[in-house]
N, C-alpha and C. Protein backbone atom coordinates (compact mmCIF):
# COMPACT_ATOMS: atom_id res chain seq x y z
N MET A 1 162.94 -4.21 254.33
CA MET A 1 162.12 -4.27 253.14
C MET A 1 162.69 -3.30 252.10
N ASN A 2 162.72 -3.73 250.85
CA ASN A 2 163.23 -2.89 249.76
C ASN A 2 162.20 -1.86 249.33
N ASP A 3 162.69 -0.72 248.91
CA ASP A 3 161.82 0.30 248.36
C ASP A 3 161.86 0.16 246.84
N PHE A 4 160.74 -0.21 246.26
CA PHE A 4 160.68 -0.44 244.82
C PHE A 4 160.15 0.77 244.07
N GLY A 5 160.10 1.92 244.72
CA GLY A 5 159.57 3.12 244.09
C GLY A 5 160.25 3.46 242.79
N GLU A 6 161.56 3.36 242.75
CA GLU A 6 162.32 3.69 241.55
C GLU A 6 161.98 2.73 240.40
N GLN A 7 161.91 1.44 240.72
CA GLN A 7 161.57 0.45 239.69
C GLN A 7 160.14 0.64 239.20
N TYR A 8 159.23 0.96 240.12
CA TYR A 8 157.84 1.20 239.75
C TYR A 8 157.75 2.35 238.75
N HIS A 9 158.41 3.45 239.06
CA HIS A 9 158.35 4.61 238.18
C HIS A 9 159.00 4.33 236.83
N ALA A 10 160.07 3.56 236.83
CA ALA A 10 160.72 3.20 235.57
C ALA A 10 159.78 2.33 234.73
N ALA A 11 159.08 1.40 235.37
CA ALA A 11 158.15 0.52 234.66
C ALA A 11 156.99 1.32 234.09
N GLN A 12 156.47 2.27 234.87
CA GLN A 12 155.37 3.09 234.40
C GLN A 12 155.78 3.94 233.20
N HIS A 13 157.00 4.44 233.24
CA HIS A 13 157.53 5.21 232.12
C HIS A 13 157.64 4.33 230.87
N ALA A 14 158.14 3.11 231.05
CA ALA A 14 158.29 2.19 229.92
C ALA A 14 156.92 1.84 229.32
N ILE A 15 155.93 1.60 230.16
CA ILE A 15 154.59 1.28 229.68
C ILE A 15 154.01 2.47 228.92
N ALA A 16 154.19 3.67 229.45
CA ALA A 16 153.68 4.87 228.77
C ALA A 16 154.33 5.03 227.41
N THR A 17 155.63 4.76 227.33
CA THR A 17 156.34 4.86 226.05
C THR A 17 155.81 3.84 225.06
N LEU A 18 155.62 2.60 225.50
CA LEU A 18 155.09 1.56 224.61
C LEU A 18 153.68 1.89 224.14
N LYS A 19 152.84 2.36 225.05
CA LYS A 19 151.47 2.73 224.66
C LYS A 19 151.50 3.85 223.63
N SER A 20 152.37 4.80 223.81
CA SER A 20 152.49 5.91 222.86
C SER A 20 152.92 5.41 221.48
N LEU A 21 153.86 4.48 221.46
CA LEU A 21 154.33 3.93 220.19
C LEU A 21 153.26 3.09 219.50
N VAL A 22 152.52 2.32 220.26
CA VAL A 22 151.42 1.53 219.70
C VAL A 22 150.39 2.47 219.09
N ARG A 23 150.05 3.54 219.81
CA ARG A 23 149.09 4.52 219.30
C ARG A 23 149.59 5.14 218.00
N GLU A 24 150.86 5.46 217.95
CA GLU A 24 151.43 6.05 216.73
C GLU A 24 151.35 5.09 215.55
N VAL A 25 151.69 3.83 215.79
CA VAL A 25 151.62 2.82 214.72
C VAL A 25 150.18 2.68 214.23
N VAL A 26 149.24 2.58 215.16
CA VAL A 26 147.83 2.41 214.78
C VAL A 26 147.32 3.65 214.05
N SER A 27 147.77 4.82 214.46
CA SER A 27 147.29 6.04 213.80
C SER A 27 147.80 6.14 212.37
N ASN A 28 148.90 5.48 212.06
CA ASN A 28 149.44 5.50 210.69
C ASN A 28 149.05 4.27 209.88
N ALA A 29 148.16 3.48 210.43
CA ALA A 29 147.72 2.24 209.76
C ALA A 29 146.84 2.57 208.57
N PRO A 30 146.83 1.67 207.58
CA PRO A 30 145.92 1.85 206.46
C PRO A 30 144.48 1.73 206.94
N ASP A 31 143.53 2.16 206.10
CA ASP A 31 142.12 1.98 206.46
C ASP A 31 141.89 0.52 206.80
N GLY A 32 141.12 0.29 207.82
CA GLY A 32 140.86 -1.08 208.24
C GLY A 32 141.73 -1.49 209.42
N GLY A 33 142.78 -0.72 209.71
CA GLY A 33 143.60 -0.98 210.89
C GLY A 33 144.65 -2.06 210.72
N LEU A 34 145.22 -2.43 211.84
CA LEU A 34 146.27 -3.45 211.88
C LEU A 34 145.94 -4.50 212.93
N ARG A 35 146.29 -5.73 212.62
CA ARG A 35 146.13 -6.81 213.60
C ARG A 35 147.26 -6.73 214.61
N ASN A 36 147.05 -7.38 215.72
CA ASN A 36 148.02 -7.41 216.81
C ASN A 36 149.42 -7.77 216.31
N SER A 37 149.52 -8.81 215.52
CA SER A 37 150.83 -9.26 215.03
C SER A 37 151.50 -8.21 214.15
N GLU A 38 150.71 -7.48 213.36
CA GLU A 38 151.28 -6.44 212.50
C GLU A 38 151.82 -5.28 213.34
N ILE A 39 151.12 -4.94 214.40
CA ILE A 39 151.59 -3.89 215.30
C ILE A 39 152.90 -4.34 215.95
N GLY A 40 152.94 -5.56 216.44
CA GLY A 40 154.13 -6.08 217.08
C GLY A 40 155.33 -6.14 216.15
N ARG A 41 155.11 -6.58 214.94
CA ARG A 41 156.22 -6.66 213.98
C ARG A 41 156.72 -5.28 213.60
N THR A 42 155.81 -4.31 213.49
CA THR A 42 156.22 -2.93 213.18
C THR A 42 157.14 -2.39 214.27
N LEU A 43 156.87 -2.77 215.51
CA LEU A 43 157.68 -2.30 216.64
C LEU A 43 158.87 -3.21 216.93
N GLY A 44 159.03 -4.27 216.13
CA GLY A 44 160.17 -5.17 216.32
C GLY A 44 160.01 -6.11 217.49
N ASN A 45 158.78 -6.40 217.87
CA ASN A 45 158.52 -7.31 218.97
C ASN A 45 158.34 -8.71 218.40
N TYR A 46 159.37 -9.50 218.47
CA TYR A 46 159.32 -10.84 217.91
C TYR A 46 159.33 -11.92 218.97
N SER A 47 159.03 -11.55 220.21
CA SER A 47 159.02 -12.55 221.27
C SER A 47 157.66 -13.21 221.34
N GLY A 48 157.54 -14.16 222.21
CA GLY A 48 156.29 -14.88 222.37
C GLY A 48 156.44 -16.29 221.88
N HIS A 49 155.46 -17.10 222.18
CA HIS A 49 155.53 -18.47 221.70
C HIS A 49 155.21 -18.53 220.21
N VAL A 50 155.48 -19.63 219.61
CA VAL A 50 155.45 -19.76 218.16
C VAL A 50 154.15 -19.27 217.54
N GLU A 51 153.01 -19.63 218.11
CA GLU A 51 151.73 -19.25 217.53
C GLU A 51 151.47 -17.75 217.60
N HIS A 52 152.10 -17.06 218.52
CA HIS A 52 151.86 -15.63 218.70
C HIS A 52 153.12 -14.80 218.54
N GLU A 53 154.08 -15.32 217.83
CA GLU A 53 155.32 -14.58 217.63
C GLU A 53 155.05 -13.28 216.90
N GLY A 54 155.60 -12.20 217.42
CA GLY A 54 155.44 -10.90 216.82
C GLY A 54 154.29 -10.09 217.38
N HIS A 55 153.47 -10.70 218.22
CA HIS A 55 152.33 -9.97 218.77
C HIS A 55 152.76 -8.98 219.83
N ILE A 56 152.14 -7.82 219.83
CA ILE A 56 152.33 -6.85 220.90
C ILE A 56 151.47 -7.34 222.06
N SER A 57 151.85 -7.02 223.24
CA SER A 57 151.11 -7.48 224.41
C SER A 57 149.65 -7.08 224.35
N ARG A 58 148.79 -8.05 224.52
CA ARG A 58 147.34 -7.79 224.55
C ARG A 58 147.02 -6.84 225.70
N THR A 59 147.82 -6.90 226.76
CA THR A 59 147.61 -6.01 227.90
C THR A 59 147.72 -4.56 227.47
N LEU A 60 148.71 -4.23 226.67
CA LEU A 60 148.87 -2.84 226.21
C LEU A 60 147.68 -2.41 225.37
N LEU A 61 147.24 -3.27 224.48
CA LEU A 61 146.09 -2.92 223.63
C LEU A 61 144.82 -2.76 224.47
N GLU A 62 144.64 -3.62 225.46
CA GLU A 62 143.47 -3.51 226.32
C GLU A 62 143.53 -2.25 227.19
N MET A 63 144.72 -1.85 227.62
CA MET A 63 144.87 -0.60 228.36
C MET A 63 144.45 0.58 227.49
N LEU A 64 144.92 0.59 226.26
CA LEU A 64 144.56 1.67 225.33
C LEU A 64 143.06 1.65 225.01
N LYS A 65 142.49 0.46 224.92
CA LYS A 65 141.06 0.33 224.68
C LYS A 65 140.27 0.90 225.86
N ALA A 66 140.68 0.55 227.07
CA ALA A 66 140.01 1.05 228.28
C ALA A 66 140.11 2.56 228.40
N GLU A 67 141.19 3.12 227.88
CA GLU A 67 141.40 4.56 227.91
C GLU A 67 140.65 5.27 226.77
N GLY A 68 140.00 4.49 225.91
CA GLY A 68 139.23 5.07 224.81
C GLY A 68 140.06 5.50 223.63
N VAL A 69 141.27 4.97 223.50
CA VAL A 69 142.19 5.37 222.43
C VAL A 69 142.02 4.51 221.20
N VAL A 70 141.90 3.20 221.37
CA VAL A 70 141.79 2.27 220.25
C VAL A 70 140.54 1.42 220.39
N GLN A 71 140.19 0.77 219.29
CA GLN A 71 139.08 -0.17 219.28
C GLN A 71 139.47 -1.32 218.37
N GLN A 72 138.85 -2.48 218.60
CA GLN A 72 139.15 -3.65 217.77
C GLN A 72 137.90 -4.06 217.01
N ASN A 73 138.09 -4.28 215.71
CA ASN A 73 137.01 -4.79 214.87
C ASN A 73 136.79 -6.25 215.24
N PRO A 74 135.59 -6.63 215.66
CA PRO A 74 135.36 -8.01 216.08
C PRO A 74 135.41 -9.02 214.93
N VAL A 75 135.27 -8.55 213.70
CA VAL A 75 135.27 -9.46 212.55
C VAL A 75 136.69 -9.77 212.09
N ASN A 76 137.48 -8.73 211.79
CA ASN A 76 138.83 -8.99 211.27
C ASN A 76 139.92 -8.84 212.31
N LYS A 77 139.54 -8.51 213.54
CA LYS A 77 140.46 -8.40 214.69
C LYS A 77 141.48 -7.27 214.54
N ALA A 78 141.26 -6.36 213.61
CA ALA A 78 142.19 -5.25 213.39
C ALA A 78 141.91 -4.13 214.40
N TRP A 79 142.98 -3.46 214.80
CA TRP A 79 142.90 -2.35 215.74
C TRP A 79 142.98 -1.03 214.98
N THR A 80 142.11 -0.10 215.37
CA THR A 80 142.11 1.25 214.80
C THR A 80 141.99 2.24 215.94
N LEU A 81 142.29 3.51 215.63
CA LEU A 81 142.03 4.55 216.61
C LEU A 81 140.54 4.69 216.77
N ARG A 82 140.11 4.97 217.97
CA ARG A 82 138.69 5.17 218.24
C ARG A 82 138.28 6.53 217.72
N ASN A 83 137.16 6.58 217.03
CA ASN A 83 136.61 7.83 216.54
C ASN A 83 135.89 8.50 217.70
N HIS A 84 136.44 9.58 218.18
CA HIS A 84 135.88 10.25 219.36
C HIS A 84 134.62 11.03 219.06
N PHE A 85 134.20 11.04 217.80
CA PHE A 85 132.98 11.73 217.44
C PHE A 85 131.79 10.78 217.46
N GLU A 86 132.07 9.48 217.59
CA GLU A 86 130.99 8.49 217.69
C GLU A 86 130.43 8.48 219.09
N ARG A 87 129.19 8.18 219.20
CA ARG A 87 128.58 8.07 220.54
C ARG A 87 128.12 6.66 220.76
């Protein structure tokens, strides 16, 4: 059986780097935030099928949301940093 420990750690490092970059882009967004596609295009992510070309992985955004870092406006679908002073 192969030991995938090295690959696992490399993948975790890559995910942490991407999450950090997404957070940085969102933190520099204009008031009102950025939509998924705008975040992806800012980071040069142009993969995906035609309808979602340029989108950053929803998984990354949901990870950041679960960690309490970002939030999504349900009306305009824009992502912003979560205000940690809100209850």
